[in-house]
Protein backbone atom coordinates (compact mmCIF):
# COMPACT_ATOMS: atom_id res chain seq x y z
CA MET A 1 -17.96 61.22 -49.64
CA GLN A 2 -14.65 59.41 -49.43
CA THR A 3 -15.65 57.97 -46.07
CA ASN A 4 -18.73 56.38 -47.61
CA GLU A 5 -16.65 54.91 -50.43
CA TRP A 6 -14.17 53.40 -47.95
CA ALA A 7 -17.03 51.97 -45.92
CA ALA A 8 -18.57 50.44 -49.04
CA LYS A 9 -15.24 48.82 -49.95
CA LEU A 10 -14.80 47.44 -46.41
CA ARG A 11 -18.31 45.91 -46.46
CA ARG A 12 -17.13 43.64 -49.26
CA PHE A 13 -14.92 41.79 -46.70
CA ASP A 14 -17.84 41.00 -44.36
CA ALA A 15 -17.83 37.20 -43.89
CA TYR A 16 -21.10 37.35 -41.98
CA PRO A 17 -23.73 38.90 -44.29
CA LYS A 18 -27.02 39.75 -42.57
CA THR A 19 -30.54 39.45 -43.85
CA LEU A 20 -33.41 41.74 -43.09
CA ASP A 21 -35.61 40.75 -40.19
CA ASP A 22 -38.57 40.58 -42.55
CA PHE A 23 -36.92 37.73 -44.44
CA ARG A 24 -35.96 35.68 -41.42
CA VAL A 25 -37.99 32.54 -40.71
CA LYS A 26 -38.09 31.09 -37.19
CA THR A 27 -39.21 27.47 -36.92
CA PHE A 28 -40.02 24.98 -34.17
CA GLY A 29 -37.18 22.72 -35.37
CA GLY A 30 -34.72 25.61 -35.18
CA ALA A 31 -35.80 26.36 -31.60
CA ALA A 32 -35.34 22.72 -30.58
CA VAL A 33 -31.86 22.58 -32.14
CA THR A 34 -30.92 25.85 -30.38
CA ILE A 35 -32.00 24.59 -26.94
CA ILE A 36 -30.24 21.24 -27.35
CA SER A 37 -27.05 22.83 -28.67
CA GLY A 38 -27.10 25.35 -25.80
CA PHE A 39 -27.35 22.49 -23.31
CA PHE A 40 -24.37 20.75 -24.92
CA MET A 41 -22.38 23.99 -24.88
CA ILE A 42 -22.95 24.39 -21.13
CA LEU A 43 -22.12 20.73 -20.46
CA LEU A 44 -18.89 20.87 -22.45
CA PHE A 45 -17.94 24.22 -20.92
CA VAL A 46 -18.31 22.81 -17.38
CA SER A 47 -16.21 19.80 -18.37
CA GLU A 48 -13.50 22.04 -19.82
CA LEU A 49 -13.56 24.22 -16.69
CA GLN A 50 -13.14 21.19 -14.41
CA TYR A 51 -10.22 20.01 -16.55
CA TYR A 52 -8.61 23.45 -16.31
CA LEU A 53 -9.02 23.60 -12.52
CA THR A 54 -7.37 20.18 -11.98
CA LEU A 55 -3.61 20.21 -11.69
CA GLU A 56 -1.48 18.86 -14.50
CA VAL A 57 0.96 16.16 -13.36
CA THR A 58 4.06 15.58 -15.45
CA GLU A 59 6.16 12.45 -15.09
CA GLU A 60 9.94 12.17 -15.35
CA LEU A 61 12.21 9.15 -15.11
CA PHE A 62 15.86 9.28 -14.08
CA VAL A 63 18.53 7.28 -12.25
CA ASP A 64 18.17 7.06 -8.48
CA THR A 65 21.32 8.34 -6.77
CA SER A 66 19.91 8.40 -3.22
CA ARG A 67 21.61 5.25 -1.96
CA GLY A 68 22.85 5.03 1.61
CA GLU A 69 19.65 6.44 3.06
CA LYS A 70 17.12 4.79 5.35
CA MET A 71 13.74 3.57 4.16
CA ARG A 72 10.64 3.39 6.33
CA ILE A 73 8.39 0.34 6.03
CA ASN A 74 4.87 0.84 7.43
CA ILE A 75 3.21 -2.39 8.55
CA ASP A 76 -0.23 -3.34 9.84
CA ILE A 77 -0.97 -7.08 9.55
CA LEU A 78 -3.50 -9.17 11.45
CA PHE A 79 -2.82 -12.87 12.01
CA HIS A 80 -6.18 -14.41 12.83
CA LYS A 81 -4.97 -17.65 14.46
CA VAL A 82 -1.35 -17.07 15.51
CA PRO A 83 -0.86 -15.86 19.12
CA CYS A 84 1.57 -13.02 19.75
CA ALA A 85 3.58 -15.27 22.05
CA TYR A 86 4.28 -17.61 19.13
CA LEU A 87 5.11 -14.95 16.56
CA SER A 88 8.58 -13.64 15.71
CA ILE A 89 9.42 -10.70 13.45
CA ASP A 90 12.82 -10.67 11.76
CA ALA A 91 14.45 -8.43 9.17
CA MET A 92 17.75 -8.29 7.34
CA ASP A 93 19.25 -6.78 4.22
CA ILE A 94 21.88 -7.91 1.75
CA ALA A 95 24.24 -5.19 2.98
CA GLY A 96 24.91 -7.34 6.04
CA GLU A 97 22.91 -5.43 8.65
CA GLN A 98 20.99 -8.05 10.57
CA GLN A 99 18.06 -7.22 12.81
CA ILE A 100 16.84 -10.12 14.91
CA ASP A 101 13.36 -9.91 16.49
CA VAL A 102 12.75 -6.41 15.20
CA ASP A 103 10.07 -5.26 17.61
CA HIS A 104 11.54 -1.99 18.87
CA ASN A 105 9.38 -0.10 16.34
CA LEU A 106 6.68 -2.75 15.95
CA PHE A 107 3.86 -3.47 18.37
CA LYS A 108 2.01 -6.72 18.94
CA ARG A 109 -1.62 -6.57 20.05
CA ARG A 110 -3.38 -9.67 21.34
CA MET A 111 -6.72 -10.38 19.66
CA ASP A 112 -9.34 -13.05 20.13
CA LEU A 113 -10.52 -15.23 17.25
CA GLN A 114 -13.39 -12.81 16.56
CA GLY A 115 -10.97 -9.90 16.12
CA ASN A 116 -11.69 -8.22 19.46
CA ILE A 117 -8.81 -6.57 21.33
CA LEU A 118 -7.70 -8.44 24.45
CA ASP A 119 -4.88 -6.21 25.70
CA GLU A 120 -3.22 -2.91 25.04
CA PRO A 121 -0.45 -3.11 22.43
CA GLU A 122 2.87 -4.12 23.94
CA LYS A 123 6.33 -4.93 22.72
CA GLU A 124 6.55 -7.95 24.97
CA ASP A 125 6.39 -11.41 23.40
CA LEU A 126 4.21 -12.97 26.08
CA GLY A 127 1.37 -10.49 26.34
CA ASP A 128 0.62 -7.71 28.77
CA PRO A 129 3.37 -7.16 31.37
CA SER A 130 0.89 -5.47 33.69
CA ASP A 131 -1.08 -8.61 34.44
CA GLU A 132 -0.64 -10.55 37.66
CA PHE A 133 1.52 -13.19 36.05
CA MET A 134 4.11 -10.74 34.71
CA GLN A 135 4.04 -8.72 37.92
CA ALA A 136 4.91 -11.85 39.86
CA ILE A 137 7.83 -12.48 37.53
CA LYS A 138 9.11 -8.93 38.00
CA LYS A 139 8.94 -9.30 41.77
CA LEU A 140 10.83 -12.54 41.51
CA GLU A 141 13.45 -10.91 39.29
CA ASN A 142 13.93 -8.12 41.82
CA LYS A 143 14.44 -10.63 44.63
CA THR A 144 16.97 -12.62 42.63
CA ALA A 145 18.88 -9.67 41.21
CA ASP A 146 22.07 -10.83 42.96
CA VAL A 147 21.60 -14.47 41.95
CA CYS A 148 23.43 -15.85 38.90
CA GLU A 149 21.61 -18.83 37.46
CA SER A 150 22.79 -21.22 34.80
CA CYS A 151 22.49 -20.66 31.04
CA TYR A 152 22.78 -24.43 30.54
CA GLY A 153 26.07 -24.27 28.66
CA ALA A 154 25.15 -21.23 26.50
CA GLU A 155 27.02 -18.62 28.58
CA THR A 156 28.87 -15.85 26.72
CA GLU A 157 31.12 -13.01 27.77
CA ASP A 158 28.26 -10.50 27.91
CA LEU A 159 25.61 -12.96 29.10
CA LYS A 160 26.98 -15.06 31.93
CA CYS A 161 23.82 -15.29 34.02
CA CYS A 162 20.37 -16.42 32.92
CA ASN A 163 17.90 -15.58 35.65
CA THR A 164 14.81 -15.72 33.43
CA CYS A 165 13.48 -18.01 30.73
CA GLU A 166 13.92 -15.23 28.18
CA ASP A 167 17.59 -14.96 29.15
CA VAL A 168 18.07 -18.66 28.45
CA ARG A 169 16.30 -18.36 25.10
CA GLU A 170 18.50 -15.41 24.16
CA ALA A 171 21.64 -17.29 25.20
CA TYR A 172 20.59 -20.27 23.10
CA ARG A 173 19.86 -18.00 20.16
CA ARG A 174 23.29 -16.40 20.33
CA LYS A 175 24.91 -19.82 20.36
CA GLY A 176 22.78 -20.96 17.43
CA TRP A 177 21.15 -23.68 19.49
CA ALA A 178 17.54 -24.77 19.19
CA PHE A 179 15.38 -24.12 22.25
CA ASN A 180 13.82 -27.58 22.25
CA ASN A 181 11.98 -28.13 25.50
CA PRO A 182 11.28 -25.22 27.88
CA ASP A 183 9.93 -27.61 30.51
CA THR A 184 13.48 -28.85 31.15
CA ILE A 185 14.69 -25.32 31.97
CA GLU A 186 14.25 -24.40 35.62
CA GLN A 187 13.68 -20.70 34.92
CA CYS A 188 10.94 -21.49 32.36
CA LYS A 189 9.25 -23.94 34.71
CA ARG A 190 9.32 -21.39 37.52
CA GLU A 191 7.79 -18.67 35.33
CA GLY A 192 5.16 -21.01 33.90
CA TRP A 193 6.35 -20.24 30.38
CA SER A 194 4.63 -23.22 28.79
CA GLU A 195 1.39 -22.41 30.61
CA LYS A 196 1.57 -18.85 29.34
CA LEU A 197 1.88 -20.13 25.78
CA LYS A 198 -1.10 -22.42 26.30
CA GLN A 199 -3.19 -19.48 27.59
CA GLN A 200 -2.64 -17.62 24.33
CA LYS A 201 -3.10 -20.67 22.11
CA ASN A 202 -6.56 -19.71 20.83
CA GLU A 203 -5.74 -16.08 20.06
CA GLY A 204 -4.72 -13.94 17.13
CA CYS A 205 -2.19 -11.15 16.86
CA GLN A 206 -2.07 -7.76 15.19
CA VAL A 207 1.39 -6.50 14.29
CA TYR A 208 1.68 -2.83 13.42
CA GLY A 209 4.23 -0.04 13.39
CA TYR A 210 7.20 0.65 11.18
CA LEU A 211 10.74 -0.45 10.41
CA GLU A 212 13.69 1.72 9.50
CA VAL A 213 15.97 -0.23 7.14
CA ASN A 214 18.85 0.53 4.82
CA LYS A 215 17.75 1.54 1.36
CA VAL A 216 18.97 -1.68 -0.23
CA ALA A 217 17.30 -4.96 -1.14
CA GLY A 218 16.28 -7.03 1.84
CA ASN A 219 13.43 -8.90 3.50
CA PHE A 220 11.34 -9.09 6.63
CA HIS A 221 9.12 -11.90 7.75
CA PHE A 222 6.70 -13.14 10.37
CA ALA A 223 7.15 -16.72 11.52
CA PRO A 224 6.60 -18.97 14.55
CA GLY A 225 9.47 -19.45 16.99
CA LYS A 226 12.75 -17.67 17.59
CA SER A 227 15.28 -17.06 14.82
CA PHE A 228 18.91 -17.86 15.44
CA GLN A 229 22.22 -18.03 13.61
CA GLN A 230 23.41 -21.38 12.36
CA HIS A 231 27.18 -21.85 12.13
CA HIS A 232 27.49 -18.09 12.86
CA VAL A 233 25.67 -17.21 9.62
CA HIS A 234 22.27 -15.54 9.52
CA VAL A 235 20.87 -17.12 6.38
CA SER A 236 18.93 -14.83 4.03
CA CYS A 237 15.47 -15.55 2.65
CA PHE A 238 16.74 -14.84 -0.83
CA TYR A 239 18.55 -18.14 -0.85
CA HIS A 240 17.46 -20.11 2.19
CA PRO A 241 15.01 -19.38 5.00
CA ILE A 242 16.33 -18.03 8.26
CA VAL A 243 16.66 -20.81 10.78
CA HIS A 244 13.87 -20.70 13.36
CA ASP A 245 13.46 -22.65 16.53
CA LEU A 246 10.04 -24.26 16.02
CA GLN A 247 10.27 -27.18 18.40
CA PRO A 248 8.37 -25.60 21.32
CA PHE A 249 5.59 -24.43 19.03
CA GLY A 250 4.72 -27.31 16.70
CA GLY A 251 5.29 -25.35 13.49
CA GLU A 252 3.33 -27.72 11.26
CA LYS A 253 0.08 -26.89 13.10
CA PHE A 254 0.22 -23.14 12.52
CA ASN A 255 -2.66 -21.57 10.65
CA LEU A 256 -1.10 -18.53 8.98
CA SER A 257 -4.31 -16.91 7.76
CA HIS A 258 -3.64 -13.19 7.67
CA HIS A 259 -5.09 -9.86 6.62
CA VAL A 260 -2.82 -7.07 5.38
CA ASN A 261 -4.51 -3.89 6.60
CA HIS A 262 -1.67 -1.75 5.31
CA LEU A 263 1.81 -2.15 3.86
CA SER A 264 3.77 0.71 2.35
CA PHE A 265 7.33 1.84 1.84
CA GLY A 266 8.17 5.43 2.69
CA THR A 267 5.82 8.33 3.41
CA ASP A 268 2.12 7.58 2.97
CA ILE A 269 0.41 9.72 0.32
CA PRO A 270 -3.26 10.56 1.12
CA GLY A 271 -5.62 8.94 -1.35
CA ARG A 272 -3.08 6.45 -2.69
CA VAL A 273 -4.04 2.78 -2.44
CA ASN A 274 -1.17 0.33 -2.07
CA PRO A 275 -1.32 -3.05 -3.85
CA LEU A 276 -1.49 -5.15 -0.68
CA ASP A 277 -3.85 -2.95 1.37
CA GLY A 278 -6.88 -5.03 2.30
CA HIS A 279 -5.32 -8.27 1.01
CA MET A 280 -6.66 -11.31 2.88
CA VAL A 281 -5.43 -14.91 2.84
CA ALA A 282 -7.29 -17.84 4.42
CA ALA A 283 -4.95 -20.78 4.94
CA LYS A 284 -6.69 -24.07 4.15
CA GLN A 285 -3.87 -26.13 5.66
CA GLY A 286 -1.06 -25.73 8.19
CA SER A 287 2.63 -25.05 7.67
CA MET A 288 2.13 -22.66 4.76
CA MET A 289 4.85 -20.37 3.47
CA TYR A 290 3.56 -17.13 1.92
CA GLN A 291 6.02 -15.07 -0.09
CA TYR A 292 5.46 -11.55 -1.41
CA PHE A 293 8.09 -10.45 -3.92
CA VAL A 294 8.00 -6.66 -3.95
CA LYS A 295 9.55 -4.41 -6.60
CA ILE A 296 9.98 -0.89 -5.21
CA VAL A 297 10.30 2.23 -7.37
CA PRO A 298 11.54 5.33 -5.50
CA THR A 299 9.19 8.22 -6.17
CA ILE A 300 9.23 11.99 -5.65
CA TYR A 301 6.05 14.08 -5.58
CA LYS A 302 6.62 17.80 -6.18
CA LYS A 303 3.49 19.70 -5.22
CA ILE A 304 2.47 23.04 -6.73
CA SER A 305 3.08 24.63 -3.32
CA GLY A 306 6.75 23.70 -3.59
CA GLN A 307 6.56 20.86 -1.06
CA GLU A 308 8.55 17.77 -2.03
CA VAL A 309 7.50 14.33 -0.78
CA ARG A 310 9.85 11.38 -1.13
CA THR A 311 8.16 7.99 -1.03
CA ASN A 312 7.99 4.72 -2.95
CA GLN A 313 5.60 2.92 -5.26
CA PHE A 314 5.68 -0.83 -5.53
CA SER A 315 4.29 -3.82 -7.35
CA VAL A 316 3.99 -7.28 -5.84
CA THR A 317 4.04 -10.92 -6.96
CA LYS A 318 2.56 -13.52 -4.60
CA HIS A 319 3.63 -17.13 -4.08
CA GLN A 320 2.62 -19.77 -1.57
CA LYS A 321 3.54 -23.36 -0.80
CA GLN A 322 3.27 -25.95 1.96
CA VAL A 323 6.59 -26.73 3.62
CA THR A 324 5.88 -29.90 5.59
CA ALA A 325 8.21 -32.86 5.36
CA SER A 326 5.52 -34.83 3.50
CA SER A 327 5.22 -32.14 0.80
CA GLY A 328 8.93 -32.38 -0.03
CA GLU A 329 9.23 -28.57 -0.08
CA GLN A 330 11.99 -26.84 1.87
CA GLY A 331 11.38 -23.65 3.79
CA LEU A 332 9.88 -22.14 6.89
CA PRO A 333 6.17 -21.60 7.59
CA GLY A 334 5.50 -17.89 7.78
CA VAL A 335 4.80 -14.71 5.85
CA PHE A 336 7.81 -13.35 3.96
CA VAL A 337 8.13 -9.99 2.23
CA LEU A 338 11.18 -9.88 -0.04
CA TYR A 339 11.83 -6.49 -1.56
CA GLU A 340 14.27 -5.01 -4.03
CA LEU A 341 14.64 -1.45 -5.27
CA SER A 342 14.62 -0.27 -8.85
CA PRO A 343 17.70 1.71 -9.95
CA MET A 344 15.34 4.21 -11.58
CA MET A 345 13.37 6.97 -9.84
CA VAL A 346 10.06 8.51 -10.90
CA GLN A 347 9.30 12.17 -10.29
CA PHE A 348 5.76 13.56 -10.46
CA THR A 349 5.45 17.36 -10.68
CA GLU A 350 2.20 19.28 -10.25
CA LYS A 351 1.62 22.27 -12.55
CA GLN A 352 -1.23 24.71 -13.19
CA ARG A 353 -2.79 24.26 -16.62
CA SER A 354 -2.43 27.05 -19.19
CA PHE A 355 -5.23 29.62 -19.28
CA MET A 356 -4.71 30.07 -23.02
CA HIS A 357 -5.31 26.35 -23.46
CA PHE A 358 -8.57 26.71 -21.51
CA LEU A 359 -9.61 29.73 -23.62
CA THR A 360 -8.84 27.87 -26.84
CA GLY A 361 -10.88 24.91 -25.66
CA VAL A 362 -13.89 27.08 -24.81
CA CYS A 363 -13.77 28.77 -28.22
CA ALA A 364 -13.53 25.39 -29.92
CA ILE A 365 -16.56 24.15 -27.98
CA VAL A 366 -18.72 27.19 -28.78
CA GLY A 367 -17.70 27.38 -32.44
CA GLY A 368 -17.95 23.63 -33.02
CA VAL A 369 -21.36 23.22 -31.42
CA PHE A 370 -22.70 26.36 -33.15
CA THR A 371 -21.50 25.15 -36.57
CA VAL A 372 -22.83 21.63 -36.19
CA ALA A 373 -26.14 22.97 -34.88
CA GLY A 374 -26.42 25.25 -37.90
CA LEU A 375 -25.85 22.34 -40.27
CA ILE A 376 -28.46 20.23 -38.48
CA ASP A 377 -30.97 23.10 -38.47
CA SER A 378 -30.40 23.74 -42.18
CA LEU A 379 -30.85 20.05 -42.96
CA ILE A 380 -34.10 19.88 -40.98
CA TYR A 381 -35.44 23.11 -42.47
CA HIS A 382 -34.73 22.24 -46.13
CA SER A 383 -35.94 18.66 -45.68
CA ALA A 384 -39.19 19.89 -44.18
CA ARG A 385 -39.66 22.43 -47.04
CA ALA A 386 -39.05 19.78 -49.67
CA ILE A 387 -41.56 17.40 -48.09
CA GLN A 388 -44.11 20.17 -47.71
CA GLN A 389 -43.72 21.18 -51.38
CA LYS A 390 -44.33 17.60 -52.50
CA ILE A 391 -47.41 17.42 -50.32
CA ASP A 392 -48.71 20.71 -51.78
CA LEU A 393 -48.08 19.48 -55.34
CA GLY A 394 -49.98 16.29 -54.61
CA LYS A 395 -52.97 18.25 -53.37
CA ALA A 396 -52.91 20.56 -56.40
CA SER A 397 -52.96 17.64 -58.83
């Protein structure tokens, strides 16, 4: 008896009173609302499940204390109308470390004007050393190994003999002299240096590989001719262009159209698109100077597996100008990338999303859709009854 009384008292707290089946009315409108609401429930549930299965990435910002390290610069640039023999790559940083003709980690690949590969990639300036021309030079060098030829006044303690044209160019560069006319140098005439340049005149060049530089602000650039020191100072692009020997090349005629296939700083992250990837420039006139001012933000990616990837993000500002004497602009024709590093570092950390958050979301979806569907069904049902009653009253009268 007491059990029945307690059960009767508990039934008073039932927030979901039920009606007898005999009093329930099922309508076509109610069925339509149920099907549509069920579809929306499934759609929202799938969306919530996808959100739960994706990793949550949190972002933190703090001061970068990783100075003194090396930074890798990945490069892949195609110059459509500049031969490899004419192109020089130079890099330096404001810490004083100067790297002249940085090609020990960069490769030059000769291309024709249609973008077809002409030779295997080589580090040599004047094309493939396996061809007959270069083989003849090597044989000549072996025969004259004991001969000490003149450096034309540019001899130094560690370079007293210049048996090849490249030796003379290097001696001139160390002295800070311009290499004006190769046809007046016996070694260059013997090697057919000018003829070799003419052979590559209607070619392009792909430069690819990587640089290892100090993790400080600096620059690297691609320009015609050989760079050299003037008055024993290697002048930085931040204030004045590096001095280049352009006389043998006719710098004003260079078409510096280029296509940046890839440029990144640090480890490449799969799926990440860098700002300059795919960037193409068609030069409408010669002797153009293209400058890319790059702001680098050191970045750490901490994956959910525990792996930590250190790389860099960057933004870029582009500038271009013509540097002929008639334009009145000072500078050097070429492509310059000037970069500086932010003192702040960004850290991205991957985390698994909370299961309780997923469960709460699912409950919210089911309850919300069910409630709204009930309101819509009630509105349709009572509206239809009211209209039907008015119609019945009209017929009765």
